[in-house]
Every structure is written in C-alpha cells, then in structure tokens.
C-alpha cells in the first residue's frame, strides 16, 4: 500500500482544540479517518519547528489521500502538506526504467 507523510500545521482555532482535547485525541481522529478511507495510521508525532505534526499513513491511493487533505484544509483548523514516500526498492525499480527525455535547450 502506498505510504504518505503529512506535515500538518494548526491554526489558532485548531491549537485551541488540541489544548482542549489533547494530542492523543488528534491522533485517534486521524487513525479513524485513515481507516474509513481504507488505510491505516503508521505514526503521528507533534513537533517543534516549521510543522506542528508529522503523520505517516498507509493509504490505498492518491485519491483517498487527496480527499483527506482537502477535508482537513477545508475545516480551517489545520493545513496539510502531503509527500508521497517511496521505498528503496521502488527507487531501484524506477532507476531501471528507460526514460526518453530531452533537456531544455538541447
């Protein structure tokens, strides 16, 4: 199943919700959301720095992840940046593919 890393940032209202209900509540909500879309939560960590939380999900497809990301962002309580993750074996497979490409200016 494809793996995705989500970098989440909470708005002031979103952080008020985290303060009121706790971090484990947010993890549980994301775990439930992933399961309803046919996926699973691998990890959920809060962080200092540019992102408030890092979430790793196993999800069935890009459409399911896009649906989740759009719903989260539309809530106005958080925004999400999604990164598709590849295994080393997937990179090995990609490296073996023949690609016909002409660089600009060639």
PDB file of N, CA and C in Angstrom:
ATOM      1  N   UNK A   1       0.862  -1.173   0.000  1.00  0.00           N
ATOM      2  CA  UNK A   1       0.000   0.000   0.000  1.00  0.00           C
ATOM      3  C   UNK A   1       0.908   1.235   0.000  1.00  0.00           C
ATOM      4  N   UNK A   2       0.598   2.239  -0.817  1.00  0.00           N
ATOM      5  CA  UNK A   2       1.414   3.455  -0.841  1.00  0.00           C
ATOM      6  C   UNK A   2       1.472   4.133   0.530  1.00  0.00           C
ATOM      7  N   UNK A   3       2.614   4.765   0.772  1.00  0.00           N
ATOM      8  CA  UNK A   3       2.857   5.434   2.051  1.00  0.00           C
ATOM      9  C   UNK A   3       2.983   6.933   1.809  1.00  0.00           C
ATOM     10  N   UNK A   4       2.417   7.706   2.739  1.00  0.00           N
ATOM     11  CA  UNK A   4       2.397   9.162   2.620  1.00  0.00           C
ATOM     12  C   UNK A   4       2.838   9.788   3.937  1.00  0.00           C
ATOM     13  N   UNK A   5       3.566  10.907   3.832  1.00  0.00           N
ATOM     14  CA  UNK A   5       3.910  11.691   5.010  1.00  0.00           C
ATOM     15  C   UNK A   5       3.145  13.011   4.921  1.00  0.00           C
ATOM     16  N   UNK A   6       2.444  13.326   5.980  1.00  0.00           N
ATOM     17  CA  UNK A   6       1.676  14.565   6.059  1.00  0.00           C
ATOM     18  C   UNK A   6       2.356  15.481   7.064  1.00  0.00           C
ATOM     19  N   UNK A   7       2.620  16.716   6.652  1.00  0.00           N
ATOM     20  CA  UNK A   7       3.091  17.754   7.569  1.00  0.00           C
ATOM     21  C   UNK A   7       1.889  18.644   7.838  1.00  0.00           C
ATOM     22  N   UNK A   8       1.450  18.670   9.081  1.00  0.00           N
ATOM     23  CA  UNK A   8       0.257  19.431   9.439  1.00  0.00           C
ATOM     24  C   UNK A   8       0.623  20.669  10.242  1.00  0.00           C
ATOM     25  N   UNK A   9      -0.115  21.729   9.983  1.00  0.00           N
ATOM     26  CA  UNK A   9       0.008  22.962  10.751  1.00  0.00           C
ATOM     27  C   UNK A   9      -1.377  23.376  11.211  1.00  0.00           C
ATOM     28  N   UNK A  10      -1.474  23.659  12.504  1.00  0.00           N
ATOM     29  CA  UNK A  10      -2.746  24.057  13.088  1.00  0.00           C
ATOM     30  C   UNK A  10      -2.897  25.569  13.066  1.00  0.00           C
ATOM     31  N   UNK A  11      -4.126  26.026  12.855  1.00  0.00           N
ATOM     32  CA  UNK A  11      -4.443  27.439  13.026  1.00  0.00           C
ATOM     33  C   UNK A  11      -4.612  27.678  14.528  1.00  0.00           C
ATOM     34  N   UNK A  12      -4.844  28.922  14.914  1.00  0.00           N
ATOM     35  CA  UNK A  12      -5.082  29.222  16.330  1.00  0.00           C
ATOM     36  C   UNK A  12      -6.283  28.435  16.856  1.00  0.00           C
ATOM     37  N   UNK A  13      -7.359  28.360  16.069  1.00  0.00           N
ATOM     38  CA  UNK A  13      -8.527  27.590  16.498  1.00  0.00           C
ATOM     39  C   UNK A  13      -8.202  26.103  16.601  1.00  0.00           C
ATOM     40  N   UNK A  14      -7.412  25.599  15.678  1.00  0.00           N
ATOM     41  CA  UNK A  14      -7.014  24.198  15.726  1.00  0.00           C
ATOM     42  C   UNK A  14      -6.197  23.886  16.969  1.00  0.00           C
ATOM     43  N   UNK A  15      -5.287  24.788  17.307  1.00  0.00           N
ATOM     44  CA  UNK A  15      -4.485  24.588  18.513  1.00  0.00           C
ATOM     45  C   UNK A  15      -5.339  24.658  19.780  1.00  0.00           C
ATOM     46  N   UNK A  16      -6.375  25.493  19.768  1.00  0.00           N
ATOM     47  CA  UNK A  16      -7.295  25.536  20.910  1.00  0.00           C
ATOM     48  C   UNK A  16      -7.957  24.166  21.093  1.00  0.00           C
ATOM     49  N   UNK A  17      -8.286  23.512  19.982  1.00  0.00           N
ATOM     50  CA  UNK A  17      -8.871  22.182  20.053  1.00  0.00           C
ATOM     51  C   UNK A  17      -7.891  21.157  20.600  1.00  0.00           C
ATOM     52  N   UNK A  18      -6.621  21.253  20.193  1.00  0.00           N
ATOM     53  CA  UNK A  18      -5.596  20.346  20.719  1.00  0.00           C
ATOM     54  C   UNK A  18      -5.438  20.569  22.225  1.00  0.00           C
ATOM     55  N   UNK A  19      -5.404  21.820  22.632  1.00  0.00           N
ATOM     56  CA  UNK A  19      -5.277  22.117  24.057  1.00  0.00           C
ATOM     57  C   UNK A  19      -6.474  21.585  24.851  1.00  0.00           C
ATOM     58  N   UNK A  20      -7.655  21.686  24.282  1.00  0.00           N
ATOM     59  CA  UNK A  20      -8.870  21.267  24.993  1.00  0.00           C
ATOM     60  C   UNK A  20      -9.005  19.749  25.091  1.00  0.00           C
ATOM     61  N   UNK A  21      -8.645  19.043  23.997  1.00  0.00           N
ATOM     62  CA  UNK A  21      -8.898  17.595  23.964  1.00  0.00           C
ATOM     63  C   UNK A  21      -7.638  16.748  23.970  1.00  0.00           C
ATOM     64  N   UNK A  22      -6.457  17.374  23.828  1.00  0.00           N
ATOM     65  CA  UNK A  22      -5.206  16.633  23.898  1.00  0.00           C
ATOM     66  C   UNK A  22      -4.706  16.114  22.566  1.00  0.00           C
ATOM     67  N   UNK A  23      -3.433  15.817  22.554  1.00  0.00           N
ATOM     68  CA  UNK A  23      -2.785  15.322  21.344  1.00  0.00           C
ATOM     69  C   UNK A  23      -3.245  13.932  20.938  1.00  0.00           C
ATOM     70  N   UNK A  24      -3.491  13.065  21.917  1.00  0.00           N
ATOM     71  CA  UNK A  24      -3.915  11.706  21.576  1.00  0.00           C
ATOM     72  C   UNK A  24      -5.290  11.715  20.894  1.00  0.00           C
ATOM     73  N   UNK A  25      -6.104  12.713  21.201  1.00  0.00           N
ATOM     74  CA  UNK A  25      -7.397  12.851  20.532  1.00  0.00           C
ATOM     75  C   UNK A  25      -7.208  13.111  19.041  1.00  0.00           C
ATOM     76  N   UNK A  26      -6.253  13.956  18.698  1.00  0.00           N
ATOM     77  CA  UNK A  26      -5.973  14.240  17.285  1.00  0.00           C
ATOM     78  C   UNK A  26      -5.479  12.989  16.578  1.00  0.00           C
ATOM     79  N   UNK A  27      -4.588  12.242  17.232  1.00  0.00           N
ATOM     80  CA  UNK A  27      -4.089  11.003  16.651  1.00  0.00           C
ATOM     81  C   UNK A  27      -5.243  10.038  16.383  1.00  0.00           C
ATOM     82  N   UNK A  28      -6.147   9.916  17.352  1.00  0.00           N
ATOM     83  CA  UNK A  28      -7.277   8.996  17.209  1.00  0.00           C
ATOM     84  C   UNK A  28      -8.188   9.393  16.054  1.00  0.00           C
ATOM     85  N   UNK A  29      -8.403  10.708  15.884  1.00  0.00           N
ATOM     86  CA  UNK A  29      -9.235  11.192  14.777  1.00  0.00           C
ATOM     87  C   UNK A  29      -8.590  10.840  13.439  1.00  0.00           C
ATOM     88  N   UNK A  30      -7.284  11.053  13.320  1.00  0.00           N
ATOM     89  CA  UNK A  30      -6.581  10.744  12.067  1.00  0.00           C
ATOM     90  C   UNK A  30      -6.587   9.238  11.808  1.00  0.00           C
ATOM     91  N   UNK A  31      -6.407   8.452  12.866  1.00  0.00           N
ATOM     92  CA  UNK A  31      -6.432   6.993  12.726  1.00  0.00           C
ATOM     93  C   UNK A  31      -7.793   6.526  12.207  1.00  0.00           C
ATOM     94  N   UNK A  32      -8.851   7.067  12.744  1.00  0.00           N
ATOM     95  CA  UNK A  32     -10.204   6.716  12.314  1.00  0.00           C
ATOM     96  C   UNK A  32     -10.451   7.156  10.869  1.00  0.00           C
ATOM     97  N   UNK A  33     -10.022   8.368  10.533  1.00  0.00           N
ATOM     98  CA  UNK A  33     -10.202   8.884   9.176  1.00  0.00           C
ATOM     99  C   UNK A  33      -9.491   7.992   8.168  1.00  0.00           C
ATOM    100  N   UNK A  34      -8.246   7.611   8.464  1.00  0.00           N
ATOM    101  CA  UNK A  34      -7.487   6.745   7.560  1.00  0.00           C
ATOM    102  C   UNK A  34      -8.189   5.403   7.384  1.00  0.00           C
ATOM    103  N   UNK A  35      -8.652   4.815   8.476  1.00  0.00           N
ATOM    104  CA  UNK A  35      -9.325   3.519   8.411  1.00  0.00           C
ATOM    105  C   UNK A  35     -10.596   3.588   7.565  1.00  0.00           C
ATOM    106  N   UNK A  36     -11.366   4.663   7.724  1.00  0.00           N
ATOM    107  CA  UNK A  36     -12.601   4.823   6.940  1.00  0.00           C
ATOM    108  C   UNK A  36     -12.319   4.935   5.446  1.00  0.00           C
ATOM    109  N   UNK A  37     -11.110   5.392   5.095  1.00  0.00           N
ATOM    110  CA  UNK A  37     -10.724   5.514   3.689  1.00  0.00           C
ATOM    111  C   UNK A  37      -9.961   4.286   3.192  1.00  0.00           C
ATOM    112  N   UNK A  38      -9.891   3.245   4.010  1.00  0.00           N
ATOM    113  CA  UNK A  38      -9.233   2.010   3.596  1.00  0.00           C
ATOM    114  C   UNK A  38      -7.756   1.945   3.902  1.00  0.00           C
ATOM    115  N   UNK A  39      -7.266   2.871   4.736  1.00  0.00           N
ATOM    116  CA  UNK A  39      -5.847   2.909   5.050  1.00  0.00           C
ATOM    117  C   UNK A  39      -5.588   2.711   6.525  1.00  0.00           C
ATOM    118  N   UNK A  40      -4.360   3.058   6.935  1.00  0.00           N
ATOM    119  CA  UNK A  40      -4.008   2.934   8.350  1.00  0.00           C
ATOM    120  C   UNK A  40      -2.971   3.992   8.722  1.00  0.00           C
ATOM    121  N   UNK A  41      -2.964   4.324   9.987  1.00  0.00           N
ATOM    122  CA  UNK A  41      -2.008   5.276  10.549  1.00  0.00           C
ATOM    123  C   UNK A  41      -0.765   4.512  10.980  1.00  0.00           C
ATOM    124  N   UNK A  42       0.392   4.911  10.465  1.00  0.00           N
ATOM    125  CA  UNK A  42       1.642   4.298  10.902  1.00  0.00           C
ATOM    126  C   UNK A  42       2.229   5.049  12.088  1.00  0.00           C
ATOM    127  N   UNK A  43       2.247   6.381  11.989  1.00  0.00           N
ATOM    128  CA  UNK A  43       2.802   7.176  13.082  1.00  0.00           C
ATOM    129  C   UNK A  43       2.190   8.560  13.096  1.00  0.00           C
ATOM    130  N   UNK A  44       2.204   9.172  14.277  1.00  0.00           N
ATOM    131  CA  UNK A  44       1.708  10.543  14.463  1.00  0.00           C
ATOM    132  C   UNK A  44       2.586  11.173  15.529  1.00  0.00           C
ATOM    133  N   UNK A  45       3.302  12.222  15.151  1.00  0.00           N
ATOM    134  CA  UNK A  45       4.179  12.925  16.084  1.00  0.00           C
ATOM    135  C   UNK A  45       3.931  14.422  16.015  1.00  0.00           C
ATOM    136  N   UNK A  46       3.846  15.060  17.175  1.00  0.00           N
ATOM    137  CA  UNK A  46       3.866  16.516  17.238  1.00  0.00           C
ATOM    138  C   UNK A  46       5.327  16.944  17.199  1.00  0.00           C
ATOM    139  N   UNK A  47       5.581  18.187  16.745  1.00  0.00           N
ATOM    140  CA  UNK A  47       6.967  18.624  16.576  1.00  0.00           C
ATOM    141  C   UNK A  47       7.098  20.119  16.828  1.00  0.00           C
ATOM    142  N   UNK A  48       8.318  20.533  17.101  1.00  0.00           N
ATOM    143  CA  UNK A  48       8.686  21.942  17.119  1.00  0.00           C
ATOM    144  C   UNK A  48       9.181  22.277  15.720  1.00  0.00           C
ATOM    145  N   UNK A  49       9.093  23.516  15.306  1.00  0.00           N
ATOM    146  CA  UNK A  49       9.662  23.902  14.015  1.00  0.00           C
ATOM    147  C   UNK A  49       8.609  24.332  13.020  1.00  0.00           C
ATOM    148  N   UNK A  50       8.884  24.047  11.743  1.00  0.00           N
ATOM    149  CA  UNK A  50       8.025  24.513  10.659  1.00  0.00           C
ATOM    150  C   UNK A  50       6.680  23.810  10.595  1.00  0.00           C
ATOM    151  N   UNK A  51       6.585  22.597  11.111  1.00  0.00           N
ATOM    152  CA  UNK A  51       5.323  21.853  11.109  1.00  0.00           C
ATOM    153  C   UNK A  51       4.934  21.522  12.543  1.00  0.00           C
ATOM    154  N   UNK A  52       3.630  21.504  12.790  1.00  0.00           N
ATOM    155  CA  UNK A  52       3.125  21.174  14.127  1.00  0.00           C
ATOM    156  C   UNK A  52       3.041  19.672  14.356  1.00  0.00           C
ATOM    157  N   UNK A  53       2.827  18.914  13.271  1.00  0.00           N
ATOM    158  CA  UNK A  53       2.714  17.464  13.400  1.00  0.00           C
ATOM    159  C   UNK A  53       3.185  16.783  12.123  1.00  0.00           C
ATOM    160  N   UNK A  54       3.752  15.594  12.297  1.00  0.00           N
ATOM    161  CA  UNK A  54       4.151  14.739  11.182  1.00  0.00           C
ATOM    162  C   UNK A  54       3.379  13.437  11.312  1.00  0.00           C
ATOM    163  N   UNK A  55       2.701  13.071  10.230  1.00  0.00           N
ATOM    164  CA  UNK A  55       1.847  11.887  10.224  1.00  0.00           C
ATOM    165  C   UNK A  55       2.271  11.005   9.057  1.00  0.00           C
ATOM    166  N   UNK A  56       2.420   9.711   9.313  1.00  0.00           N
ATOM    167  CA  UNK A  56       2.727   8.762   8.254  1.00  0.00           C
ATOM    168  C   UNK A  56       1.541   7.818   8.109  1.00  0.00           C
ATOM    169  N   UNK A  57       1.040   7.717   6.876  1.00  0.00           N
ATOM    170  CA  UNK A  57      -0.142   6.907   6.586  1.00  0.00           C
ATOM    171  C   UNK A  57       0.149   5.883   5.504  1.00  0.00           C
ATOM    172  N   UNK A  58      -0.444   4.708   5.617  1.00  0.00           N
ATOM    173  CA  UNK A  58      -0.530   3.753   4.521  1.00  0.00           C
ATOM    174  C   UNK A  58      -1.936   3.911   3.973  1.00  0.00           C
ATOM    175  N   UNK A  59      -2.033   4.296   2.699  1.00  0.00           N
ATOM    176  CA  UNK A  59      -3.342   4.569   2.119  1.00  0.00           C
ATOM    177  C   UNK A  59      -3.465   3.854   0.779  1.00  0.00           C
ATOM    178  N   UNK A  60      -4.704   3.550   0.355  1.00  0.00           N
ATOM    179  CA  UNK A  60      -4.886   2.771  -0.867  1.00  0.00           C
ATOM    180  C   UNK A  60      -4.493   3.501  -2.151  1.00  0.00           C
ATOM    181  N   UNK A  61      -4.622   4.835  -2.175  1.00  0.00           N
ATOM    182  CA  UNK A  61      -4.354   5.550  -3.423  1.00  0.00           C
ATOM    183  C   UNK A  61      -4.298   7.058  -3.191  1.00  0.00           C
ATOM    184  N   UNK A  62      -3.855   7.779  -4.225  1.00  0.00           N
ATOM    185  CA  UNK A  62      -3.747   9.237  -4.155  1.00  0.00           C
ATOM    186  C   UNK A  62      -5.100   9.911  -3.964  1.00  0.00           C
ATOM    187  N   UNK A  63      -6.139   9.337  -4.539  1.00  0.00           N
ATOM    188  CA  UNK A  63      -7.474   9.935  -4.437  1.00  0.00           C
ATOM    189  C   UNK A  63      -7.930   9.962  -2.978  1.00  0.00           C
ATOM    190  N   UNK A  64      -7.704   8.879  -2.244  1.00  0.00           N
ATOM    191  CA  UNK A  64      -8.086   8.829  -0.832  1.00  0.00           C
ATOM    192  C   UNK A  64      -7.318   9.860  -0.015  1.00  0.00           C
ATOM    193  N   UNK A  65      -6.033  10.003  -0.300  1.00  0.00           N
ATOM    194  CA  UNK A  65      -5.214  10.982   0.426  1.00  0.00           C
ATOM    195  C   UNK A  65      -5.646  12.400   0.074  1.00  0.00           C
ATOM    196  N   UNK A  66      -5.944  12.634  -1.195  1.00  0.00           N
ATOM    197  CA  UNK A  66      -6.416  13.960  -1.610  1.00  0.00           C
ATOM    198  C   UNK A  66      -7.737  14.301  -0.929  1.00  0.00           C
ATOM    199  N   UNK A  67      -8.637  13.344  -0.821  1.00  0.00           N
ATOM    200  CA  UNK A  67      -9.915  13.578  -0.143  1.00  0.00           C
ATOM    201  C   UNK A  67      -9.690  13.967   1.312  1.00  0.00           C
ATOM    202  N   UNK A  68      -8.794  13.253   1.981  1.00  0.00           N
ATOM    203  CA  UNK A  68      -8.492  13.566   3.382  1.00  0.00           C
ATOM    204  C   UNK A  68      -7.861  14.952   3.504  1.00  0.00           C
ATOM    205  N   UNK A  69      -6.883  15.247   2.661  1.00  0.00           N
ATOM    206  CA  UNK A  69      -6.178  16.530   2.731  1.00  0.00           C
ATOM    207  C   UNK A  69      -7.119  17.700   2.454  1.00  0.00           C
ATOM    208  N   UNK A  70      -8.002  17.543   1.474  1.00  0.00           N
ATOM    209  CA  UNK A  70      -8.940  18.619   1.164  1.00  0.00           C
ATOM    210  C   UNK A  70      -9.919  18.839   2.319  1.00  0.00           C
ATOM    211  N   UNK A  71     -10.357  17.760   2.931  1.00  0.00           N
ATOM    212  CA  UNK A  71     -11.286  17.866   4.053  1.00  0.00           C
ATOM    213  C   UNK A  71     -10.627  18.544   5.250  1.00  0.00           C
ATOM    214  N   UNK A  72      -9.393  18.148   5.542  1.00  0.00           N
ATOM    215  CA  UNK A  72      -8.655  18.762   6.655  1.00  0.00           C
ATOM    216  C   UNK A  72      -8.466  20.256   6.394  1.00  0.00           C
ATOM    217  N   UNK A  73      -8.000  20.605   5.197  1.00  0.00           N
ATOM    218  CA  UNK A  73      -7.755  22.021   4.887  1.00  0.00           C
ATOM    219  C   UNK A  73      -9.042  22.828   4.871  1.00  0.00           C
ATOM    220  N   UNK A  74     -10.130  22.238   4.371  1.00  0.00           N
ATOM    221  CA  UNK A  74     -11.413  22.947   4.317  1.00  0.00           C
ATOM    222  C   UNK A  74     -11.980  23.222   5.706  1.00  0.00           C
ATOM    223  N   UNK A  75     -11.542  22.466   6.702  1.00  0.00           N
ATOM    224  CA  UNK A  75     -12.031  22.685   8.069  1.00  0.00           C
ATOM    225  C   UNK A  75     -11.602  24.045   8.609  1.00  0.00           C
ATOM    226  N   UNK A  76     -10.501  24.568   8.076  1.00  0.00           N
ATOM    227  CA  UNK A  76      -9.979  25.840   8.558  1.00  0.00           C
ATOM    228  C   UNK A  76      -9.192  25.725   9.853  1.00  0.00           C
ATOM    229  N   UNK A  77      -9.133  24.535  10.448  1.00  0.00           N
ATOM    230  CA  UNK A  77      -8.423  24.336  11.707  1.00  0.00           C
ATOM    231  C   UNK A  77      -6.990  23.862  11.505  1.00  0.00           C
ATOM    232  N   UNK A  78      -6.686  23.407  10.294  1.00  0.00           N
ATOM    233  CA  UNK A  78      -5.339  22.907  10.005  1.00  0.00           C
ATOM    234  C   UNK A  78      -5.100  22.944   8.505  1.00  0.00           C
ATOM    235  N   UNK A  79      -3.838  22.918   8.128  1.00  0.00           N
ATOM    236  CA  UNK A  79      -3.463  22.751   6.734  1.00  0.00           C
ATOM    237  C   UNK A  79      -2.522  21.561   6.656  1.00  0.00           C
ATOM    238  N   UNK A  80      -2.455  20.967   5.478  1.00  0.00           N
ATOM    239  CA  UNK A  80      -1.645  19.760   5.330  1.00  0.00           C
ATOM    240  C   UNK A  80      -0.816  19.820   4.062  1.00  0.00           C
ATOM    241  N   UNK A  81       0.436  19.416   4.181  1.00  0.00           N
ATOM    242  CA  UNK A  81       1.325  19.240   3.034  1.00  0.00           C
ATOM    243  C   UNK A  81       1.602  17.745   2.932  1.00  0.00           C
ATOM    244  N   UNK A  82       1.316  17.169   1.770  1.00  0.00           N
ATOM    245  CA  UNK A  82       1.426  15.728   1.592  1.00  0.00           C
ATOM    246  C   UNK A  82       2.634  15.379   0.734  1.00  0.00           C
ATOM    247  N   UNK A  83       3.412  14.404   1.183  1.00  0.00           N
ATOM    248  CA  UNK A  83       4.565  13.902   0.440  1.00  0.00           C
ATOM    249  C   UNK A  83       4.378  12.406   0.220  1.00  0.00           C
ATOM    250  N   UNK A  84       4.464  11.964  -1.040  1.00  0.00           N
ATOM    251  CA  UNK A  84       4.421  10.542  -1.351  1.00  0.00           C
ATOM    252  C   UNK A  84       5.790   9.963  -1.032  1.00  0.00           C
ATOM    253  N   UNK A  85       5.811   8.864  -0.259  1.00  0.00           N
ATOM    254  CA  UNK A  85       7.068   8.232   0.124  1.00  0.00           C
ATOM    255  C   UNK A  85       7.309   6.982  -0.720  1.00  0.00           C
ATOM    256  N   UNK A  86       8.560   6.765  -1.079  1.00  0.00           N
ATOM    257  CA  UNK A  86       8.949   5.597  -1.866  1.00  0.00           C
ATOM    258  C   UNK A  86       9.902   4.722  -1.058  1.00  0.00           C
ATOM    259  N   UNK A  87       9.754   3.419  -1.210  1.00  0.00           N
ATOM    260  CA  UNK A  87      10.697   2.505  -0.573  1.00  0.00           C
ATOM    261  C   UNK A  87      11.987   2.470  -1.388  1.00  0.00           C
ATOM    262  N   UNK A  88      13.091   2.025  -0.804  1.00  0.00           N
ATOM    263  CA  UNK A  88      14.321   1.868  -1.585  1.00  0.00           C
ATOM    264  C   UNK A  88      14.122   0.939  -2.787  1.00  0.00           C
ATOM    265  N   UNK A  89      13.298  -0.082  -2.635  1.00  0.00           N
ATOM    266  CA  UNK A  89      13.034  -0.998  -3.747  1.00  0.00           C
ATOM    267  C   UNK A  89      12.278  -0.312  -4.879  1.00  0.00           C
ATOM    268  N   UNK A  90      11.367   0.584  -4.551  1.00  0.00           N
ATOM    269  CA  UNK A  90      10.668   1.340  -5.595  1.00  0.00           C
ATOM    270  C   UNK A  90      11.629   2.254  -6.339  1.00  0.00           C
ATOM    271  N   UNK A  91      12.585   2.830  -5.629  1.00  0.00           N
ATOM    272  CA  UNK A  91      13.594   3.665  -6.283  1.00  0.00           C
ATOM    273  C   UNK A  91      14.466   2.798  -7.186  1.00  0.00           C
ATOM    274  N   UNK A  92      14.825   1.592  -6.733  1.00  0.00           N
ATOM    275  CA  UNK A  92      15.589   0.666  -7.577  1.00  0.00           C
ATOM    276  C   UNK A  92      14.840   0.377  -8.870  1.00  0.00           C
ATOM    277  N   UNK A  93      13.535   0.121  -8.749  1.00  0.00           N
ATOM    278  CA  UNK A  93      12.708  -0.159  -9.922  1.00  0.00           C
ATOM    279  C   UNK A  93      12.644   1.051 -10.850  1.00  0.00           C
ATOM    280  N   UNK A  94      12.500   2.233 -10.283  1.00  0.00           N
ATOM    281  CA  UNK A  94      12.458   3.456 -11.098  1.00  0.00           C
ATOM    282  C   UNK A  94      13.776   3.673 -11.830  1.00  0.00           C
ATOM    283  N   UNK A  95      14.882   3.375 -11.162  1.00  0.00           N
ATOM    284  CA  UNK A  95      16.201   3.572 -11.772  1.00  0.00           C
ATOM    285  C   UNK A  95      16.416   2.662 -12.971  1.00  0.00           C
ATOM    286  N   UNK A  96      15.707   1.550 -13.027  1.00  0.00           N
ATOM    287  CA  UNK A  96      15.857   0.594 -14.133  1.00  0.00           C
ATOM    288  C   UNK A  96      14.987   0.952 -15.331  1.00  0.00           C
ATOM    289  N   UNK A  97      14.052   1.867 -15.176  1.00  0.00           N
ATOM    290  CA  UNK A  97      13.157   2.239 -16.274  1.00  0.00           C
ATOM    291  C   UNK A  97      13.891   3.116 -17.276  1.00  0.00           C
ATOM    292  N   UNK A  98      13.631   2.862 -18.524  1.00  0.00           N
ATOM    293  CA  UNK A  98      14.192   3.670 -19.599  1.00  0.00           C
ATOM    294  C   UNK A  98      13.262   4.858 -19.839  1.00  0.00           C
ATOM    295  N   UNK A  99      13.835   6.057 -19.822  1.00  0.00           N
ATOM    296  CA  UNK A  99      13.039   7.264 -19.985  1.00  0.00           C
ATOM    297  C   UNK A  99      13.617   8.071 -21.158  1.00  0.00           C
ATOM    298  N   UNK A 100      12.774   8.407 -22.117  1.00  0.00           N
ATOM    299  CA  UNK A 100      13.175   9.226 -23.252  1.00  0.00           C
ATOM    300  C   UNK A 100      12.934  10.677 -22.889  1.00  0.00           C
ATOM    301  N   UNK A 101      14.018  11.428 -22.639  1.00  0.00           N
ATOM    302  CA  UNK A 101      13.901  12.808 -22.189  1.00  0.00           C
ATOM    303  C   UNK A 101      14.931  13.655 -22.903  1.00  0.00           C
ATOM    304  N   UNK A 102      14.528  14.830 -23.343  1.00  0.00           N
ATOM    305  CA  UNK A 102      15.439  15.790 -23.967  1.00  0.00           C
ATOM    306  C   UNK A 102      15.451  17.032 -23.098  1.00  0.00           C
ATOM    307  N   UNK A 103      16.615  17.408 -22.525  1.00  0.00           N
ATOM    308  CA  UNK A 103      16.676  18.594 -21.666  1.00  0.00           C
ATOM    309  C   UNK A 103      16.362  19.872 -22.449  1.00  0.00           C
ATOM    310  N   UNK A 104      15.866  20.895 -21.748  1.00  0.00           N
ATOM    311  CA  UNK A 104      15.613  22.176 -22.410  1.00  0.00           C
ATOM    312  C   UNK A 104      16.900  22.717 -23.033  1.00  0.00           C
ATOM    313  N   UNK A 105      16.772  23.310 -24.203  1.00  0.00           N
ATOM    314  CA  UNK A 105      17.925  23.908 -24.872  1.00  0.00           C
ATOM    315  C   UNK A 105      18.748  22.919 -25.665  1.00  0.00           C
ATOM    316  N   UNK A 106      18.360  21.655 -25.701  1.00  0.00           N
ATOM    317  CA  UNK A 106      19.136  20.642 -26.451  1.00  0.00           C
ATOM    318  C   UNK A 106      18.721  20.602 -27.893  1.00  0.00           C
TER     319      UNK A 106
END
